[in-house]
Amino acid sequence: MRPIRILILGGYGNTGRRIARLLLTQSNTALDVCIAGRNQPAARQLVDELQSMAGSDHTLRSVCVDAADLNSLRSGFQDVDLVVVASSTMQYCDNVVRAALDCNCDYL
């Protein structure tokens, strides 16, 4: 069975990093966790920090996604099962919902 693919938008912020840690340490289901946001170096740095928590069942990756850009969201949401919105900017909520629906993934 393949891992559940979860993208955390705003994943390197205070809330996003806590969600990622919780998923990696509390889930007994295989996960592919993607830390996403506009700042690719920050996302990559968090992936490097969390790698030791991932264990053998989980994978971590990062992706650059801009909530202001619908095409960027669609690209980032491809092949994702669940999008968790951890960013504090509600200004682009419509874009996030539209991209998630277009990509047939759940969002929270």
PDB file of N, CA and C in Angstrom:
ATOM      1  N   MET A   1       0.838  -1.184   0.000  1.00  0.00           N
ATOM      2  CA  MET A   1       0.000   0.000   0.000  1.00  0.00           C
ATOM      3  C   MET A   1       0.885   1.250   0.000  1.00  0.00           C
ATOM      4  N   ARG A   2       0.534   2.215  -0.816  1.00  0.00           N
ATOM      5  CA  ARG A   2       1.350   3.420  -0.934  1.00  0.00           C
ATOM      6  C   ARG A   2       1.114   4.360   0.251  1.00  0.00           C
ATOM      7  N   PRO A   3       2.096   5.219   0.546  1.00  0.00           N
ATOM      8  CA  PRO A   3       1.941   6.181   1.644  1.00  0.00           C
ATOM      9  C   PRO A   3       0.841   7.200   1.336  1.00  0.00           C
ATOM     10  N   ILE A   4       0.251   7.741   2.370  1.00  0.00           N
ATOM     11  CA  ILE A   4      -0.684   8.855   2.218  1.00  0.00           C
ATOM     12  C   ILE A   4       0.150  10.103   1.967  1.00  0.00           C
ATOM     13  N   ARG A   5      -0.178  10.821   0.904  1.00  0.00           N
ATOM     14  CA  ARG A   5       0.598  12.001   0.510  1.00  0.00           C
ATOM     15  C   ARG A   5      -0.065  13.265   1.062  1.00  0.00           C
ATOM     16  N   ILE A   6       0.640  13.940   1.965  1.00  0.00           N
ATOM     17  CA  ILE A   6       0.118  15.131   2.634  1.00  0.00           C
ATOM     18  C   ILE A   6       1.029  16.313   2.336  1.00  0.00           C
ATOM     19  N   LEU A   7       0.447  17.389   1.813  1.00  0.00           N
ATOM     20  CA  LEU A   7       1.182  18.629   1.573  1.00  0.00           C
ATOM     21  C   LEU A   7       0.755  19.632   2.638  1.00  0.00           C
ATOM     22  N   ILE A   8       1.727  20.213   3.333  1.00  0.00           N
ATOM     23  CA  ILE A   8       1.448  21.227   4.346  1.00  0.00           C
ATOM     24  C   ILE A   8       1.830  22.583   3.768  1.00  0.00           C
ATOM     25  N   LEU A   9       0.825  23.376   3.404  1.00  0.00           N
ATOM     26  CA  LEU A   9       1.045  24.706   2.841  1.00  0.00           C
ATOM     27  C   LEU A   9       1.365  25.664   3.987  1.00  0.00           C
ATOM     28  N   GLY A  10       2.500  26.335   3.902  1.00  0.00           N
ATOM     29  CA  GLY A  10       2.999  27.109   5.037  1.00  0.00           C
ATOM     30  C   GLY A  10       3.666  26.178   6.032  1.00  0.00           C
ATOM     31  N   GLY A  11       4.224  25.108   5.506  1.00  0.00           N
ATOM     32  CA  GLY A  11       4.745  24.024   6.331  1.00  0.00           C
ATOM     33  C   GLY A  11       5.938  24.369   7.185  1.00  0.00           C
ATOM     34  N   TYR A  12       6.674  25.412   6.860  1.00  0.00           N
ATOM     35  CA  TYR A  12       7.855  25.761   7.649  1.00  0.00           C
ATOM     36  C   TYR A  12       7.560  26.857   8.675  1.00  0.00           C
ATOM     37  N   GLY A  13       6.309  27.296   8.775  1.00  0.00           N
ATOM     38  CA  GLY A  13       5.917  28.267   9.802  1.00  0.00           C
ATOM     39  C   GLY A  13       5.695  27.567  11.139  1.00  0.00           C
ATOM     40  N   ASN A  14       5.327  28.336  12.148  1.00  0.00           N
ATOM     41  CA  ASN A  14       5.149  27.775  13.491  1.00  0.00           C
ATOM     42  C   ASN A  14       4.124  26.648  13.526  1.00  0.00           C
ATOM     43  N   THR A  15       2.966  26.869  12.943  1.00  0.00           N
ATOM     44  CA  THR A  15       1.920  25.841  12.956  1.00  0.00           C
ATOM     45  C   THR A  15       2.283  24.679  12.051  1.00  0.00           C
ATOM     46  N   GLY A  16       2.765  24.963  10.866  1.00  0.00           N
ATOM     47  CA  GLY A  16       3.110  23.911   9.908  1.00  0.00           C
ATOM     48  C   GLY A  16       4.159  22.953  10.426  1.00  0.00           C
ATOM     49  N   ARG A  17       5.193  23.479  11.061  1.00  0.00           N
ATOM     50  CA  ARG A  17       6.254  22.599  11.579  1.00  0.00           C
ATOM     51  C   ARG A  17       5.730  21.726  12.710  1.00  0.00           C
ATOM     52  N   ARG A  18       4.812  22.247  13.513  1.00  0.00           N
ATOM     53  CA  ARG A  18       4.225  21.427  14.587  1.00  0.00           C
ATOM     54  C   ARG A  18       3.359  20.308  14.010  1.00  0.00           C
ATOM     55  N   ILE A  19       2.602  20.637  12.977  1.00  0.00           N
ATOM     56  CA  ILE A  19       1.781  19.613  12.321  1.00  0.00           C
ATOM     57  C   ILE A  19       2.675  18.530  11.731  1.00  0.00           C
ATOM     58  N   ALA A  20       3.744  18.930  11.061  1.00  0.00           N
ATOM     59  CA  ALA A  20       4.663  17.955  10.459  1.00  0.00           C
ATOM     60  C   ALA A  20       5.264  17.045  11.525  1.00  0.00           C
ATOM     61  N   ARG A  21       5.716  17.628  12.621  1.00  0.00           N
ATOM     62  CA  ARG A  21       6.295  16.816  13.709  1.00  0.00           C
ATOM     63  C   ARG A  21       5.274  15.834  14.270  1.00  0.00           C
ATOM     64  N   LEU A  22       4.062  16.308  14.473  1.00  0.00           N
ATOM     65  CA  LEU A  22       3.004  15.452  15.003  1.00  0.00           C
ATOM     66  C   LEU A  22       2.723  14.288  14.058  1.00  0.00           C
ATOM     67  N   LEU A  23       2.613  14.583  12.774  1.00  0.00           N
ATOM     68  CA  LEU A  23       2.367  13.521  11.794  1.00  0.00           C
ATOM     69  C   LEU A  23       3.488  12.485  11.810  1.00  0.00           C
ATOM     70  N   LEU A  24       4.722  12.952  11.828  1.00  0.00           N
ATOM     71  CA  LEU A  24       5.867  12.039  11.755  1.00  0.00           C
ATOM     72  C   LEU A  24       6.048  11.199  13.012  1.00  0.00           C
ATOM     73  N   THR A  25       5.671  11.736  14.156  1.00  0.00           N
ATOM     74  CA  THR A  25       5.899  11.006  15.406  1.00  0.00           C
ATOM     75  C   THR A  25       4.689  10.218  15.886  1.00  0.00           C
ATOM     76  N   GLN A  26       3.490  10.563  15.415  1.00  0.00           N
ATOM     77  CA  GLN A  26       2.289   9.922  15.943  1.00  0.00           C
ATOM     78  C   GLN A  26       1.582   8.999  14.957  1.00  0.00           C
ATOM     79  N   SER A  27       1.917   9.071  13.694  1.00  0.00           N
ATOM     80  CA  SER A  27       1.210   8.261  12.702  1.00  0.00           C
ATOM     81  C   SER A  27       1.810   6.865  12.596  1.00  0.00           C
ATOM     82  N   ASN A  28       0.951   5.864  12.603  1.00  0.00           N
ATOM     83  CA  ASN A  28       1.413   4.494  12.359  1.00  0.00           C
ATOM     84  C   ASN A  28       1.097   4.066  10.928  1.00  0.00           C
ATOM     85  N   THR A  29       0.694   5.029  10.112  1.00  0.00           N
ATOM     86  CA  THR A  29       0.450   4.822   8.689  1.00  0.00           C
ATOM     87  C   THR A  29       1.586   5.476   7.911  1.00  0.00           C
ATOM     88  N   ALA A  30       2.054   4.834   6.862  1.00  0.00           N
ATOM     89  CA  ALA A  30       3.132   5.404   6.046  1.00  0.00           C
ATOM     90  C   ALA A  30       2.680   6.720   5.418  1.00  0.00           C
ATOM     91  N   LEU A  31       3.528   7.737   5.537  1.00  0.00           N
ATOM     92  CA  LEU A  31       3.213   9.066   5.027  1.00  0.00           C
ATOM     93  C   LEU A  31       4.316   9.584   4.123  1.00  0.00           C
ATOM     94  N   ASP A  32       3.896  10.369   3.130  1.00  0.00           N
ATOM     95  CA  ASP A  32       4.806  11.179   2.330  1.00  0.00           C
ATOM     96  C   ASP A  32       4.422  12.616   2.645  1.00  0.00           C
ATOM     97  N   VAL A  33       5.221  13.293   3.466  1.00  0.00           N
ATOM     98  CA  VAL A  33       4.908  14.644   3.923  1.00  0.00           C
ATOM     99  C   VAL A  33       5.706  15.642   3.096  1.00  0.00           C
ATOM    100  N   CYS A  34       4.989  16.597   2.516  1.00  0.00           N
ATOM    101  CA  CYS A  34       5.619  17.627   1.697  1.00  0.00           C
ATOM    102  C   CYS A  34       5.480  18.974   2.397  1.00  0.00           C
ATOM    103  N   ILE A  35       6.601  19.591   2.700  1.00  0.00           N
ATOM    104  CA  ILE A  35       6.636  20.922   3.304  1.00  0.00           C
ATOM    105  C   ILE A  35       6.625  21.927   2.154  1.00  0.00           C
ATOM    106  N   ALA A  36       5.594  22.788   2.118  1.00  0.00           N
ATOM    107  CA  ALA A  36       5.411  23.675   0.969  1.00  0.00           C
ATOM    108  C   ALA A  36       5.247  25.127   1.402  1.00  0.00           C
ATOM    109  N   GLY A  37       5.700  26.017   0.536  1.00  0.00           N
ATOM    110  CA  GLY A  37       5.551  27.451   0.743  1.00  0.00           C
ATOM    111  C   GLY A  37       6.383  28.200  -0.282  1.00  0.00           C
ATOM    112  N   ARG A  38       6.356  29.518  -0.196  1.00  0.00           N
ATOM    113  CA  ARG A  38       7.084  30.337  -1.174  1.00  0.00           C
ATOM    114  C   ARG A  38       8.590  30.289  -0.997  1.00  0.00           C
ATOM    115  N   ASN A  39       9.049  30.005   0.212  1.00  0.00           N
ATOM    116  CA  ASN A  39      10.478  30.052   0.520  1.00  0.00           C
ATOM    117  C   ASN A  39      11.069  28.638   0.473  1.00  0.00           C
ATOM    118  N   GLN A  40      11.544  28.253  -0.692  1.00  0.00           N
ATOM    119  CA  GLN A  40      12.091  26.902  -0.876  1.00  0.00           C
ATOM    120  C   GLN A  40      13.250  26.590   0.075  1.00  0.00           C
ATOM    121  N   PRO A  41      14.202  27.512   0.298  1.00  0.00           N
ATOM    122  CA  PRO A  41      15.278  27.194   1.247  1.00  0.00           C
ATOM    123  C   PRO A  41      14.759  26.918   2.666  1.00  0.00           C
ATOM    124  N   ALA A  42      13.758  27.655   3.115  1.00  0.00           N
ATOM    125  CA  ALA A  42      13.193  27.415   4.451  1.00  0.00           C
ATOM    126  C   ALA A  42      12.502  26.059   4.512  1.00  0.00           C
ATOM    127  N   ALA A  43      11.791  25.708   3.449  1.00  0.00           N
ATOM    128  CA  ALA A  43      11.125  24.399   3.396  1.00  0.00           C
ATOM    129  C   ALA A  43      12.160  23.278   3.409  1.00  0.00           C
ATOM    130  N   ARG A  44      13.204  23.434   2.620  1.00  0.00           N
ATOM    131  CA  ARG A  44      14.263  22.419   2.556  1.00  0.00           C
ATOM    132  C   ARG A  44      14.975  22.270   3.906  1.00  0.00           C
ATOM    133  N   GLN A  45      15.220  23.392   4.569  1.00  0.00           N
ATOM    134  CA  GLN A  45      15.889  23.353   5.869  1.00  0.00           C
ATOM    135  C   GLN A  45      15.051  22.574   6.880  1.00  0.00           C
ATOM    136  N   LEU A  46      13.742  22.793   6.886  1.00  0.00           N
ATOM    137  CA  LEU A  46      12.890  22.056   7.816  1.00  0.00           C
ATOM    138  C   LEU A  46      12.882  20.570   7.484  1.00  0.00           C
ATOM    139  N   VAL A  47      12.837  20.231   6.211  1.00  0.00           N
ATOM    140  CA  VAL A  47      12.908  18.817   5.822  1.00  0.00           C
ATOM    141  C   VAL A  47      14.186  18.193   6.372  1.00  0.00           C
ATOM    142  N   ASP A  48      15.300  18.891   6.239  1.00  0.00           N
ATOM    143  CA  ASP A  48      16.570  18.377   6.765  1.00  0.00           C
ATOM    144  C   ASP A  48      16.510  18.185   8.284  1.00  0.00           C
ATOM    145  N   GLU A  49      15.883  19.133   8.988  1.00  0.00           N
ATOM    146  CA  GLU A  49      15.762  19.038  10.446  1.00  0.00           C
ATOM    147  C   GLU A  49      14.884  17.862  10.871  1.00  0.00           C
ATOM    148  N   LEU A  50      13.814  17.615  10.121  1.00  0.00           N
ATOM    149  CA  LEU A  50      12.839  16.587  10.500  1.00  0.00           C
ATOM    150  C   LEU A  50      13.204  15.188  10.021  1.00  0.00           C
ATOM    151  N   GLN A  51      14.196  15.088   9.169  1.00  0.00           N
ATOM    152  CA  GLN A  51      14.540  13.806   8.549  1.00  0.00           C
ATOM    153  C   GLN A  51      14.761  12.702   9.582  1.00  0.00           C
ATOM    154  N   SER A  52      15.371  13.030  10.704  1.00  0.00           N
ATOM    155  CA  SER A  52      15.646  12.006  11.717  1.00  0.00           C
ATOM    156  C   SER A  52      14.372  11.477  12.369  1.00  0.00           C
ATOM    157  N   MET A  53      13.296  12.246  12.322  1.00  0.00           N
ATOM    158  CA  MET A  53      12.016  11.806  12.885  1.00  0.00           C
ATOM    159  C   MET A  53      11.228  10.934  11.925  1.00  0.00           C
ATOM    160  N   ALA A  54      11.580  10.975  10.667  1.00  0.00           N
ATOM    161  CA  ALA A  54      10.755  10.338   9.644  1.00  0.00           C
ATOM    162  C   ALA A  54      10.696   8.825   9.777  1.00  0.00           C
ATOM    163  N   GLY A  55      11.767   8.204  10.215  1.00  0.00           N
ATOM    164  CA  GLY A  55      11.764   6.748  10.299  1.00  0.00           C
ATOM    165  C   GLY A  55      11.682   6.127   8.920  1.00  0.00           C
ATOM    166  N   SER A  56      11.551   4.832   8.889  1.00  0.00           N
ATOM    167  CA  SER A  56      11.567   4.134   7.602  1.00  0.00           C
ATOM    168  C   SER A  56      10.216   4.146   6.898  1.00  0.00           C
ATOM    169  N   ASP A  57       9.136   4.410   7.622  1.00  0.00           N
ATOM    170  CA  ASP A  57       7.805   4.392   7.011  1.00  0.00           C
ATOM    171  C   ASP A  57       7.429   5.700   6.333  1.00  0.00           C
ATOM    172  N   HIS A  58       8.086   6.784   6.702  1.00  0.00           N
ATOM    173  CA  HIS A  58       7.697   8.106   6.215  1.00  0.00           C
ATOM    174  C   HIS A  58       8.773   8.698   5.309  1.00  0.00           C
ATOM    175  N   THR A  59       8.326   9.503   4.354  1.00  0.00           N
ATOM    176  CA  THR A  59       9.253  10.262   3.518  1.00  0.00           C
ATOM    177  C   THR A  59       8.922  11.741   3.660  1.00  0.00           C
ATOM    178  N   LEU A  60       9.925  12.566   3.458  1.00  0.00           N
ATOM    179  CA  LEU A  60       9.789  14.017   3.537  1.00  0.00           C
ATOM    180  C   LEU A  60      10.338  14.643   2.275  1.00  0.00           C
ATOM    181  N   ARG A  61       9.690  15.706   1.838  1.00  0.00           N
ATOM    182  CA  ARG A  61      10.191  16.462   0.698  1.00  0.00           C
ATOM    183  C   ARG A  61       9.722  17.898   0.833  1.00  0.00           C
ATOM    184  N   SER A  62      10.226  18.754  -0.013  1.00  0.00           N
ATOM    185  CA  SER A  62       9.816  20.159   0.000  1.00  0.00           C
ATOM    186  C   SER A  62       9.473  20.587  -1.418  1.00  0.00           C
ATOM    187  N   VAL A  63       8.628  21.616  -1.501  1.00  0.00           N
ATOM    188  CA  VAL A  63       8.255  22.152  -2.806  1.00  0.00           C
ATOM    189  C   VAL A  63       7.956  23.641  -2.643  1.00  0.00           C
ATOM    190  N   CYS A  64       8.280  24.400  -3.677  1.00  0.00           N
ATOM    191  CA  CYS A  64       7.982  25.831  -3.692  1.00  0.00           C
ATOM    192  C   CYS A  64       6.591  26.025  -4.290  1.00  0.00           C
ATOM    193  N   VAL A  65       5.677  26.581  -3.492  1.00  0.00           N
ATOM    194  CA  VAL A  65       4.301  26.824  -3.923  1.00  0.00           C
ATOM    195  C   VAL A  65       3.907  28.218  -3.453  1.00  0.00           C
ATOM    196  N   ASP A  66       3.279  28.991  -4.342  1.00  0.00           N
ATOM    197  CA  ASP A  66       2.830  30.341  -4.006  1.00  0.00           C
ATOM    198  C   ASP A  66       1.306  30.371  -4.042  1.00  0.00           C
ATOM    199  N   ALA A  67       0.679  30.617  -2.901  1.00  0.00           N
ATOM    200  CA  ALA A  67      -0.785  30.615  -2.811  1.00  0.00           C
ATOM    201  C   ALA A  67      -1.423  31.711  -3.657  1.00  0.00           C
ATOM    202  N   ALA A  68      -0.675  32.728  -4.019  1.00  0.00           N
ATOM    203  CA  ALA A  68      -1.199  33.797  -4.868  1.00  0.00           C
ATOM    204  C   ALA A  68      -1.300  33.366  -6.324  1.00  0.00           C
ATOM    205  N   ASP A  69      -0.673  32.267  -6.673  1.00  0.00           N
ATOM    206  CA  ASP A  69      -0.586  31.797  -8.059  1.00  0.00           C
ATOM    207  C   ASP A  69      -1.311  30.460  -8.195  1.00  0.00           C
ATOM    208  N   LEU A  70      -2.476  30.489  -8.831  1.00  0.00           N
ATOM    209  CA  LEU A  70      -3.301  29.289  -8.971  1.00  0.00           C
ATOM    210  C   LEU A  70      -2.561  28.163  -9.682  1.00  0.00           C
ATOM    211  N   ASN A  71      -1.802  28.485 -10.711  1.00  0.00           N
ATOM    212  CA  ASN A  71      -1.051  27.444 -11.427  1.00  0.00           C
ATOM    213  C   ASN A  71       0.044  26.832 -10.561  1.00  0.00           C
ATOM    214  N   SER A  72       0.666  27.647  -9.718  1.00  0.00           N
ATOM    215  CA  SER A  72       1.669  27.131  -8.784  1.00  0.00           C
ATOM    216  C   SER A  72       1.027  26.150  -7.809  1.00  0.00           C
ATOM    217  N   LEU A  73      -0.157  26.493  -7.312  1.00  0.00           N
ATOM    218  CA  LEU A  73      -0.879  25.594  -6.409  1.00  0.00           C
ATOM    219  C   LEU A  73      -1.244  24.293  -7.109  1.00  0.00           C
ATOM    220  N   ARG A  74      -1.780  24.405  -8.310  1.00  0.00           N
ATOM    221  CA  ARG A  74      -2.157  23.190  -9.060  1.00  0.00           C
ATOM    222  C   ARG A  74      -0.950  22.287  -9.273  1.00  0.00           C
ATOM    223  N   SER A  75       0.166  22.879  -9.600  1.00  0.00           N
ATOM    224  CA  SER A  75       1.386  22.098  -9.807  1.00  0.00           C
ATOM    225  C   SER A  75       1.814  21.406  -8.514  1.00  0.00           C
ATOM    226  N   GLY A  76       1.770  22.125  -7.408  1.00  0.00           N
ATOM    227  CA  GLY A  76       2.171  21.556  -6.126  1.00  0.00           C
ATOM    228  C   GLY A  76       1.223  20.497  -5.600  1.00  0.00           C
ATOM    229  N   PHE A  77      -0.057  20.609  -5.949  1.00  0.00           N
ATOM    230  CA  PHE A  77      -1.075  19.693  -5.429  1.00  0.00           C
ATOM    231  C   PHE A  77      -1.224  18.416  -6.257  1.00  0.00           C
ATOM    232  N   GLN A  78      -0.508  18.308  -7.365  1.00  0.00           N
ATOM    233  CA  GLN A  78      -0.591  17.099  -8.189  1.00  0.00           C
ATOM    234  C   GLN A  78      -0.194  15.881  -7.368  1.00  0.00           C
ATOM    235  N   ASP A  79      -0.979  14.836  -7.459  1.00  0.00           N
ATOM    236  CA  ASP A  79      -0.687  13.557  -6.789  1.00  0.00           C
ATOM    237  C   ASP A  79      -0.635  13.676  -5.266  1.00  0.00           C
ATOM    238  N   VAL A  80      -1.350  14.634  -4.697  1.00  0.00           N
ATOM    239  CA  VAL A  80      -1.433  14.804  -3.247  1.00  0.00           C
ATOM    240  C   VAL A  80      -2.808  14.324  -2.794  1.00  0.00           C
ATOM    241  N   ASP A  81      -2.852  13.629  -1.667  1.00  0.00           N
ATOM    242  CA  ASP A  81      -4.124  13.157  -1.119  1.00  0.00           C
ATOM    243  C   ASP A  81      -4.798  14.211  -0.249  1.00  0.00           C
ATOM    244  N   LEU A  82      -4.001  14.945   0.520  1.00  0.00           N
ATOM    245  CA  LEU A  82      -4.545  15.918   1.467  1.00  0.00           C
ATOM    246  C   LEU A  82      -3.654  17.149   1.532  1.00  0.00           C
ATOM    247  N   VAL A  83      -4.272  18.321   1.442  1.00  0.00           N
ATOM    248  CA  VAL A  83      -3.579  19.594   1.636  1.00  0.00           C
ATOM    249  C   VAL A  83      -3.993  20.135   2.999  1.00  0.00           C
ATOM    250  N   VAL A  84      -3.010  20.420   3.838  1.00  0.00           N
ATOM    251  CA  VAL A  84      -3.257  21.054   5.132  1.00  0.00           C
ATOM    252  C   VAL A  84      -2.779  22.497   5.009  1.00  0.00           C
ATOM    253  N   VAL A  85      -3.693  23.444   5.193  1.00  0.00           N
ATOM    254  CA  VAL A  85      -3.337  24.857   5.081  1.00  0.00           C
ATOM    255  C   VAL A  85      -2.912  25.358   6.458  1.00  0.00           C
ATOM    256  N   ALA A  86      -1.618  25.620   6.600  1.00  0.00           N
ATOM    257  CA  ALA A  86      -1.061  26.101   7.864  1.00  0.00           C
ATOM    258  C   ALA A  86      -0.550  27.527   7.733  1.00  0.00           C
ATOM    259  N   SER A  87      -0.780  28.143   6.595  1.00  0.00           N
ATOM    260  CA  SER A  87      -0.345  29.528   6.407  1.00  0.00           C
ATOM    261  C   SER A  87      -1.367  30.460   7.048  1.00  0.00           C
ATOM    262  N   SER A  88      -0.914  31.618   7.431  1.00  0.00           N
ATOM    263  CA  SER A  88      -1.796  32.558   8.122  1.00  0.00           C
ATOM    264  C   SER A  88      -2.506  33.516   7.172  1.00  0.00           C
ATOM    265  N   THR A  89      -2.208  33.445   5.900  1.00  0.00           N
ATOM    266  CA  THR A  89      -2.805  34.353   4.927  1.00  0.00           C
ATOM    267  C   THR A  89      -4.085  33.761   4.357  1.00  0.00           C
ATOM    268  N   MET A  90      -5.209  34.301   4.762  1.00  0.00           N
ATOM    269  CA  MET A  90      -6.495  33.815   4.267  1.00  0.00           C
ATOM    270  C   MET A  90      -6.880  34.491   2.949  1.00  0.00           C
ATOM    271  N   GLN A  91      -6.104  35.445   2.540  1.00  0.00           N
ATOM    272  CA  GLN A  91      -6.356  36.211   1.329  1.00  0.00           C
ATOM    273  C   GLN A  91      -6.473  35.318   0.089  1.00  0.00           C
ATOM    274  N   TYR A  92      -5.741  34.201   0.085  1.00  0.00           N
ATOM    275  CA  TYR A  92      -5.718  33.333  -1.089  1.00  0.00           C
ATOM    276  C   TYR A  92      -6.483  32.033  -0.873  1.00  0.00           C
ATOM    277  N   CYS A  93      -7.377  32.033   0.082  1.00  0.00           N
ATOM    278  CA  CYS A  93      -8.149  30.829   0.408  1.00  0.00           C
ATOM    279  C   CYS A  93      -8.904  30.297  -0.809  1.00  0.00           C
ATOM    280  N   ASP A  94      -9.502  31.179  -1.600  1.00  0.00           N
ATOM    281  CA  ASP A  94     -10.232  30.737  -2.797  1.00  0.00           C
ATOM    282  C   ASP A  94      -9.316  30.004  -3.767  1.00  0.00           C
ATOM    283  N   ASN A  95      -8.094  30.507  -3.946  1.00  0.00           N
ATOM    284  CA  ASN A  95      -7.133  29.837  -4.829  1.00  0.00           C
ATOM    285  C   ASN A  95      -6.812  28.437  -4.331  1.00  0.00           C
ATOM    286  N   VAL A  96      -6.603  28.308  -3.026  1.00  0.00           N
ATOM    287  CA  VAL A  96      -6.249  27.009  -2.446  1.00  0.00           C
ATOM    288  C   VAL A  96      -7.387  26.016  -2.651  1.00  0.00           C
ATOM    289  N   VAL A  97      -8.609  26.448  -2.368  1.00  0.00           N
ATOM    290  CA  VAL A  97      -9.773  25.566  -2.530  1.00  0.00           C
ATOM    291  C   VAL A  97      -9.945  25.173  -3.991  1.00  0.00           C
ATOM    292  N   ARG A  98      -9.851  26.132  -4.879  1.00  0.00           N
ATOM    293  CA  ARG A  98     -10.018  25.848  -6.311  1.00  0.00           C
ATOM    294  C   ARG A  98      -8.960  24.859  -6.805  1.00  0.00           C
ATOM    295  N   ALA A  99      -7.706  25.076  -6.420  1.00  0.00           N
ATOM    296  CA  ALA A  99      -6.629  24.177  -6.853  1.00  0.00           C
ATOM    297  C   ALA A  99      -6.816  22.777  -6.282  1.00  0.00           C
ATOM    298  N   ALA A 100      -7.224  22.684  -5.022  1.00  0.00           N
ATOM    299  CA  ALA A 100      -7.453  21.367  -4.411  1.00  0.00           C
ATOM    300  C   ALA A 100      -8.575  20.628  -5.132  1.00  0.00           C
ATOM    301  N   LEU A 101      -9.652  21.332  -5.439  1.00  0.00           N
ATOM    302  CA  LEU A 101     -10.755  20.704  -6.172  1.00  0.00           C
ATOM    303  C   LEU A 101     -10.321  20.296  -7.575  1.00  0.00           C
ATOM    304  N   ASP A 102      -9.571  21.167  -8.244  1.00  0.00           N
ATOM    305  CA  ASP A 102      -9.082  20.852  -9.592  1.00  0.00           C
ATOM    306  C   ASP A 102      -8.186  19.617  -9.590  1.00  0.00           C
ATOM    307  N   CYS A 103      -7.431  19.429  -8.513  1.00  0.00           N
ATOM    308  CA  CYS A 103      -6.488  18.308  -8.423  1.00  0.00           C
ATOM    309  C   CYS A 103      -7.084  17.095  -7.716  1.00  0.00           C
ATOM    310  N   ASN A 104      -8.363  17.202  -7.363  1.00  0.00           N
ATOM    311  CA  ASN A 104      -9.072  16.089  -6.726  1.00  0.00           C
ATOM    312  C   ASN A 104      -8.391  15.633  -5.432  1.00  0.00           C
ATOM    313  N   CYS A 105      -7.972  16.611  -4.622  1.00  0.00           N
ATOM    314  CA  CYS A 105      -7.395  16.257  -3.323  1.00  0.00           C
ATOM    315  C   CYS A 105      -8.200  16.937  -2.216  1.00  0.00           C
ATOM    316  N   ASP A 106      -8.210  16.321  -1.071  1.00  0.00           N
ATOM    317  CA  ASP A 106      -8.900  16.889   0.082  1.00  0.00           C
ATOM    318  C   ASP A 106      -8.072  18.032   0.646  1.00  0.00           C
ATOM    319  N   TYR A 107      -8.729  18.925   1.367  1.00  0.00           N
ATOM    320  CA  TYR A 107      -8.008  20.033   1.984  1.00  0.00           C
ATOM    321  C   TYR A 107      -8.604  20.335   3.347  1.00  0.00           C
ATOM    322  N   LEU A 108      -7.740  20.843   4.200  1.00  0.00           N
ATOM    323  CA  LEU A 108      -8.136  21.182   5.560  1.00  0.00           C
ATOM    324  C   LEU A 108      -7.517  22.511   5.929  1.00  0.00           C
TER     325      LEU A 108
END
